[in-house]
C-alpha atoms as a PDB file:
ATOM      1  CA  MET A   1      96.626  96.996 124.639  1.00  0.00           C
ATOM      2  CA  ASP A   2      97.704  94.860 127.561  1.00  0.00           C
ATOM      3  CA  ALA A   3      95.253  95.922 130.753  1.00  0.00           C
ATOM      4  CA  SER A   4      98.180  95.736 133.365  1.00  0.00           C
ATOM      5  CA  ALA A   5     100.441  98.619 130.961  1.00  0.00           C
ATOM      6  CA  PRO A   6      99.894 102.010 132.150  1.00  0.00           C
ATOM      7  CA  ALA A   7      96.977 104.210 130.285  1.00  0.00           C
ATOM      8  CA  ILE A   8      98.401 106.093 126.791  1.00  0.00           C
ATOM      9  CA  THR A   9      97.202 109.477 126.945  1.00  0.00           C
ATOM     10  CA  PRO A  10      98.617 112.222 124.770  1.00  0.00           C
ATOM     11  CA  ARG A  11     101.029 112.816 127.399  1.00  0.00           C
ATOM     12  CA  SER A  12     102.354 109.594 126.996  1.00  0.00           C
ATOM     13  CA  ARG A  13     106.169 109.249 125.544  1.00  0.00           C
ATOM     14  CA  MET A  14     106.496 107.555 121.827  1.00  0.00           C
ATOM     15  CA  GLU A  15     108.288 104.461 123.860  1.00  0.00           C
ATOM     16  CA  GLU A  16     105.568 103.544 125.627  1.00  0.00           C
ATOM     17  CA  ILE A  17     102.869 104.165 122.213  1.00  0.00           C
ATOM     18  CA  LEU A  18     105.356 101.932 120.790  1.00  0.00           C
ATOM     19  CA  ARG A  19     104.965  99.370 123.111  1.00  0.00           C
ATOM     20  CA  ALA A  20     101.267  99.174 123.722  1.00  0.00           C
ATOM     21  CA  TYR A  21     100.523  99.329 119.219  1.00  0.00           C
ATOM     22  CA  PRO A  22     103.445  97.968 117.781  1.00  0.00           C
ATOM     23  CA  GLY A  23     102.004  99.253 114.605  1.00  0.00           C
ATOM     24  CA  ALA A  24     102.017 102.772 115.541  1.00  0.00           C
ATOM     25  CA  GLN A  25     104.880 103.624 113.564  1.00  0.00           C
ATOM     26  CA  ARG A  26     102.685 102.132 110.052  1.00  0.00           C
ATOM     27  CA  ALA A  27     100.286 103.660 111.158  1.00  0.00           C
ATOM     28  CA  LEU A  28     101.387 107.644 111.921  1.00  0.00           C
ATOM     29  CA  PHE A  29     103.384 107.066 108.800  1.00  0.00           C
ATOM     30  CA  ARG A  30     100.646 106.078 106.824  1.00  0.00           C
ATOM     31  CA  ARG A  31      98.075 109.049 107.761  1.00  0.00           C
ATOM     32  CA  TYR A  32      99.912 111.632 108.825  1.00  0.00           C
ATOM     33  CA  HIS A  33     103.764 110.958 107.273  1.00  0.00           C
ATOM     34  CA  ILE A  34     105.000 110.698 110.236  1.00  0.00           C
ATOM     35  CA  GLY A  35     107.879 108.682 111.524  1.00  0.00           C
ATOM     36  CA  GLY A  36     109.033 107.506 108.243  1.00  0.00           C
ATOM     37  CA  CYS A  37     112.082 108.829 107.240  1.00  0.00           C
ATOM     38  CA  SER A  38     114.893 111.435 109.190  1.00  0.00           C
ATOM     39  CA  ILE A  39     112.967 114.381 108.152  1.00  0.00           C
ATOM     40  CA  CYS A  40     109.688 113.362 109.983  1.00  0.00           C
ATOM     41  CA  ALA A  41     111.184 111.220 113.006  1.00  0.00           C
ATOM     42  CA  PHE A  42     110.844 111.261 116.159  1.00  0.00           C
ATOM     43  CA  HIS A  43     112.343 110.043 119.135  1.00  0.00           C
ATOM     44  CA  ALA A  44     111.589 107.700 122.301  1.00  0.00           C
ATOM     45  CA  GLU A  45     111.159 110.228 125.237  1.00  0.00           C
ATOM     46  CA  GLU A  46     109.183 112.598 122.786  1.00  0.00           C
ATOM     47  CA  THR A  47     105.410 112.848 124.020  1.00  0.00           C
ATOM     48  CA  LEU A  48     102.372 111.982 121.533  1.00  0.00           C
ATOM     49  CA  ASP A  49     101.548 116.041 122.293  1.00  0.00           C
ATOM     50  CA  ALA A  50     104.882 116.999 121.324  1.00  0.00           C
ATOM     51  CA  LEU A  51     105.038 115.255 118.085  1.00  0.00           C
ATOM     52  CA  CYS A  52     101.670 116.539 117.021  1.00  0.00           C
ATOM     53  CA  ALA A  53     102.493 120.115 117.795  1.00  0.00           C
ATOM     54  CA  ARG A  54     105.504 120.161 115.870  1.00  0.00           C
ATOM     55  CA  ASN A  55     103.663 118.212 112.932  1.00  0.00           C
ATOM     56  CA  HIS A  56     101.337 121.113 111.251  1.00  0.00           C
ATOM     57  CA  GLN A  57      99.454 121.142 114.865  1.00  0.00           C
ATOM     58  CA  LEU A  58      97.699 117.841 114.835  1.00  0.00           C
ATOM     59  CA  ASP A  59      94.845 117.105 117.425  1.00  0.00           C
ATOM     60  CA  PRO A  60      96.804 114.920 119.860  1.00  0.00           C
ATOM     61  CA  VAL A  61      93.814 113.222 120.500  1.00  0.00           C
ATOM     62  CA  GLU A  62      92.272 112.513 117.294  1.00  0.00           C
ATOM     63  CA  VAL A  63      96.019 110.727 116.391  1.00  0.00           C
ATOM     64  CA  LEU A  64      95.609 108.930 119.359  1.00  0.00           C
ATOM     65  CA  GLN A  65      92.289 107.506 118.354  1.00  0.00           C
ATOM     66  CA  HIS A  66      93.360 106.680 114.831  1.00  0.00           C
ATOM     67  CA  LEU A  67      96.552 104.594 116.577  1.00  0.00           C
ATOM     68  CA  GLU A  68      93.330 102.817 118.958  1.00  0.00           C
ATOM     69  CA  SER A  69      92.152 102.049 116.036  1.00  0.00           C
ATOM     70  CA  ALA A  70      94.962 101.368 113.678  1.00  0.00           C
ATOM     71  CA  HIS A  71      95.861  98.383 116.205  1.00  0.00           C
ATOM     72  CA  ALA A  72      92.860  97.010 116.449  1.00  0.00           C
ATOM     73  CA  GLU A  73      93.356  96.393 112.743  1.00  0.00           C
ATOM     74  CA  ASP A  74      96.400  94.984 113.542  1.00  0.00           C
ATOM     75  CA  GLU A  75      95.079  92.135 116.164  1.00  0.00           C
ATOM     76  CA  ARG A  76      92.013  91.368 113.525  1.00  0.00           C
ATOM     77  CA  MET A  77      94.816  90.264 111.424  1.00  0.00           C
ATOM     78  CA  MET A  78      96.441  88.197 114.183  1.00  0.00           C
ATOM     79  CA  ILE A  79      96.257  84.324 113.695  1.00  0.00           C
ATOM     80  CA  GLU A  80      96.951  82.242 116.935  1.00  0.00           C
ATOM     81  CA  PRO A  81      99.188  79.314 116.924  1.00  0.00           C
ATOM     82  CA  ALA A  82      96.559  76.763 117.733  1.00  0.00           C
ATOM     83  CA  ASP A  83      94.126  78.926 115.238  1.00  0.00           C
ATOM     84  CA  LEU A  84      96.385  77.849 112.380  1.00  0.00           C
ATOM     85  CA  LYS A  85      97.441  74.577 113.636  1.00  0.00           C
ATOM     86  CA  ALA A  86      93.391  73.631 113.189  1.00  0.00           C
ATOM     87  CA  LEU A  87      93.381  75.520 109.680  1.00  0.00           C
ATOM     88  CA  LEU A  88      96.396  73.251 108.551  1.00  0.00           C
ATOM     89  CA  ASP A  89      95.041  69.928 110.098  1.00  0.00           C
ATOM     90  CA  GLY A  90      91.564  70.229 108.655  1.00  0.00           C
ATOM     91  CA  GLY A  91      93.681  70.629 104.420  1.00  0.00           C
ATOM     92  CA  GLU A  92      92.921  74.750 104.548  1.00  0.00           C
ATOM     93  CA  SER A  93      94.483  76.086 101.135  1.00  0.00           C
ATOM     94  CA  LEU A  94      96.747  78.460 102.479  1.00  0.00           C
ATOM     95  CA  LYS A  95     100.165  79.818 101.726  1.00  0.00           C
ATOM     96  CA  LEU A  96     103.377  80.164 104.985  1.00  0.00           C
ATOM     97  CA  LEU A  97     105.551  82.708 104.340  1.00  0.00           C
ATOM     98  CA  ASP A  98     108.609  83.232 106.180  1.00  0.00           C
ATOM     99  CA  ILE A  99     109.888  86.325 106.337  1.00  0.00           C
ATOM    100  CA  ARG A 100     113.013  85.641 108.747  1.00  0.00           C
ATOM    101  CA  THR A 101     116.668  85.734 107.595  1.00  0.00           C
ATOM    102  CA  ARG A 102     118.215  82.990 105.372  1.00  0.00           C
ATOM    103  CA  GLU A 103     120.408  81.524 108.135  1.00  0.00           C
ATOM    104  CA  GLU A 104     117.084  81.281 111.055  1.00  0.00           C
ATOM    105  CA  TRP A 105     115.295  79.637 107.808  1.00  0.00           C
ATOM    106  CA  GLU A 106     118.256  76.821 107.606  1.00  0.00           C
ATOM    107  CA  ALA A 107     118.159  76.511 111.113  1.00  0.00           C
ATOM    108  CA  VAL A 108     114.555  75.707 111.591  1.00  0.00           C
ATOM    109  CA  HIS A 109     111.432  76.322 109.395  1.00  0.00           C
ATOM    110  CA  LEU A 110     107.730  75.207 109.454  1.00  0.00           C
ATOM    111  CA  GLU A 111     106.771  72.131 106.606  1.00  0.00           C
ATOM    112  CA  GLY A 112     105.228  73.765 103.652  1.00  0.00           C
ATOM    113  CA  ALA A 113     106.336  77.318 104.460  1.00  0.00           C
ATOM    114  CA  VAL A 114     108.318  79.069 102.185  1.00  0.00           C
ATOM    115  CA  HIS A 115     111.539  81.690 102.392  1.00  0.00           C
ATOM    116  CA  MET A 116     110.970  85.220 101.468  1.00  0.00           C
ATOM    117  CA  SER A 117     113.667  86.164  99.162  1.00  0.00           C
ATOM    118  CA  GLN A 118     113.533  88.586  96.089  1.00  0.00           C
ATOM    119  CA  GLU A 119     113.318  85.365  93.554  1.00  0.00           C
ATOM    120  CA  THR A 120     109.994  84.440  95.784  1.00  0.00           C
ATOM    121  CA  MET A 121     109.326  87.701  95.973  1.00  0.00           C
ATOM    122  CA  GLN A 122     108.547  88.044  92.354  1.00  0.00           C
ATOM    123  CA  ASP A 123     107.043  84.784  92.040  1.00  0.00           C
ATOM    124  CA  ILE A 124     104.510  85.703  95.103  1.00  0.00           C
ATOM    125  CA  LEU A 125     103.400  88.657  93.542  1.00  0.00           C
ATOM    126  CA  GLY A 126     103.133  87.483  90.425  1.00  0.00           C
ATOM    127  CA  GLN A 127     101.587  83.819  90.819  1.00  0.00           C
ATOM    128  CA  TRP A 128     100.480  83.637  93.919  1.00  0.00           C
ATOM    129  CA  PRO A 129      96.239  83.912  94.104  1.00  0.00           C
ATOM    130  CA  ARG A 130      95.250  87.195  95.710  1.00  0.00           C
ATOM    131  CA  GLU A 131      91.889  85.890  97.389  1.00  0.00           C
ATOM    132  CA  GLY A 132      93.846  82.696  99.204  1.00  0.00           C
ATOM    133  CA  LEU A 133      94.555  83.148 102.642  1.00  0.00           C
ATOM    134  CA  LEU A 134      98.277  83.924 103.068  1.00  0.00           C
ATOM    135  CA  VAL A 135     100.022  83.437 106.914  1.00  0.00           C
ATOM    136  CA  VAL A 136     102.904  85.583 107.221  1.00  0.00           C
ATOM    137  CA  HIS A 137     105.649  85.181 109.609  1.00  0.00           C
ATOM    138  CA  ASP A 138     108.793  86.033 111.654  1.00  0.00           C
ATOM    139  CA  HIS A 139     110.587  84.429 114.447  1.00  0.00           C
ATOM    140  CA  GLN A 140     108.264  86.186 117.490  1.00  0.00           C
ATOM    141  CA  GLY A 141     105.908  88.429 115.578  1.00  0.00           C
ATOM    142  CA  GLY A 142     107.587  91.884 115.500  1.00  0.00           C
ATOM    143  CA  GLN A 143     108.507  92.132 112.020  1.00  0.00           C
ATOM    144  CA  CYS A 144     104.793  89.997 110.178  1.00  0.00           C
ATOM    145  CA  LEU A 145     102.739  93.194 110.423  1.00  0.00           C
ATOM    146  CA  ASP A 146     104.658  95.070 108.145  1.00  0.00           C
ATOM    147  CA  ALA A 147     104.751  92.816 105.608  1.00  0.00           C
ATOM    148  CA  ALA A 148     101.448  92.043 105.920  1.00  0.00           C
ATOM    149  CA  ALA A 149     100.608  95.314 105.166  1.00  0.00           C
ATOM    150  CA  TYR A 150     102.968  95.490 102.281  1.00  0.00           C
ATOM    151  CA  PHE A 151     100.957  92.681 100.674  1.00  0.00           C
ATOM    152  CA  GLN A 152      97.831  93.972 101.533  1.00  0.00           C
ATOM    153  CA  GLY A 153      99.064  97.154  99.531  1.00  0.00           C
ATOM    154  CA  GLN A 154      99.852  94.867  96.864  1.00  0.00           C
ATOM    155  CA  GLY A 155      96.249  93.624  96.669  1.00  0.00           C
ATOM    156  CA  PHE A 156      96.123  90.325  99.140  1.00  0.00           C
ATOM    157  CA  GLN A 157      92.903  89.540 100.513  1.00  0.00           C
ATOM    158  CA  ASN A 158      92.943  87.387 103.198  1.00  0.00           C
ATOM    159  CA  VAL A 159      96.681  88.341 104.956  1.00  0.00           C
ATOM    160  CA  ARG A 160      97.677  86.794 108.568  1.00  0.00           C
ATOM    161  CA  CYS A 161      99.740  87.157 111.011  1.00  0.00           C
ATOM    162  CA  LEU A 162     101.285  84.342 113.020  1.00  0.00           C
ATOM    163  CA  ARG A 163     101.272  85.542 116.594  1.00  0.00           C
ATOM    164  CA  GLY A 164     104.271  85.058 118.335  1.00  0.00           C
ATOM    165  CA  GLY A 165     105.994  83.915 115.402  1.00  0.00           C
ATOM    166  CA  ILE A 166     107.357  80.718 114.649  1.00  0.00           C
ATOM    167  CA  ASP A 167     108.633  81.061 118.494  1.00  0.00           C
ATOM    168  CA  ALA A 168     105.144  80.823 119.866  1.00  0.00           C
ATOM    169  CA  TRP A 169     105.004  77.532 117.435  1.00  0.00           C
ATOM    170  CA  ALA A 170     107.275  75.885 118.400  1.00  0.00           C
ATOM    171  CA  ARG A 171     106.482  76.624 122.082  1.00  0.00           C
ATOM    172  CA  LEU A 172     103.043  75.890 122.081  1.00  0.00           C
ATOM    173  CA  ILE A 173     102.205  73.202 118.703  1.00  0.00           C
ATOM    174  CA  ASP A 174     105.378  71.601 118.231  1.00  0.00           C
ATOM    175  CA  HIS A 175     107.849  71.394 120.876  1.00  0.00           C
ATOM    176  CA  ALA A 176     110.423  69.255 118.646  1.00  0.00           C
ATOM    177  CA  LEU A 177     111.032  72.136 116.985  1.00  0.00           C
ATOM    178  CA  PRO A 178     114.085  73.905 117.911  1.00  0.00           C
ATOM    179  CA  ARG A 179     113.703  77.496 119.625  1.00  0.00           C
ATOM    180  CA  TYR A 180     116.368  80.077 119.577  1.00  0.00           C
ATOM    181  CA  GLU A 181     117.419  83.505 120.784  1.00  0.00           C
ATOM    182  CA  LEU A 182     118.417  86.244 118.284  1.00  0.00           C
ATOM    183  CA  ALA A 183     121.547  88.019 119.884  1.00  0.00           C
END
């Protein structure tokens, strides 16, 4: 969590929790079945205390500890652009998976990356080695952890996410790569 951000407590609103722990919704759903559908959804202004109270009187301190632990796991899954570049420059055998839209892919993509589509998904699940390094990336790093969690659930043992996505790569590594903003 960012040292300048306010401390997260059971009285924190869900919007604050999601900002501090971007994978919190996935973590809440995985362990408690909270936030995955309209029946168990929460709203941005709801506090963690209130959410826990209406979900079987969960202990908010225990839930917060789970969110912190899940966030630490998410952080371990991240790979810095410079570290990925070093692996690529060193000839490391890895797969780059781009989960952005077709339009984003066609505008700009990393050399050697594979664009995720229904067709490639079948190939990934059926043919790609489960032990090899799989680096997932998106535009700015916001969705790649969800995709990485999916692939881990499918048995991939070494899944990482490019911190900051292709935007960070263009900003920090390959300045010739065009950057863009999503509307």
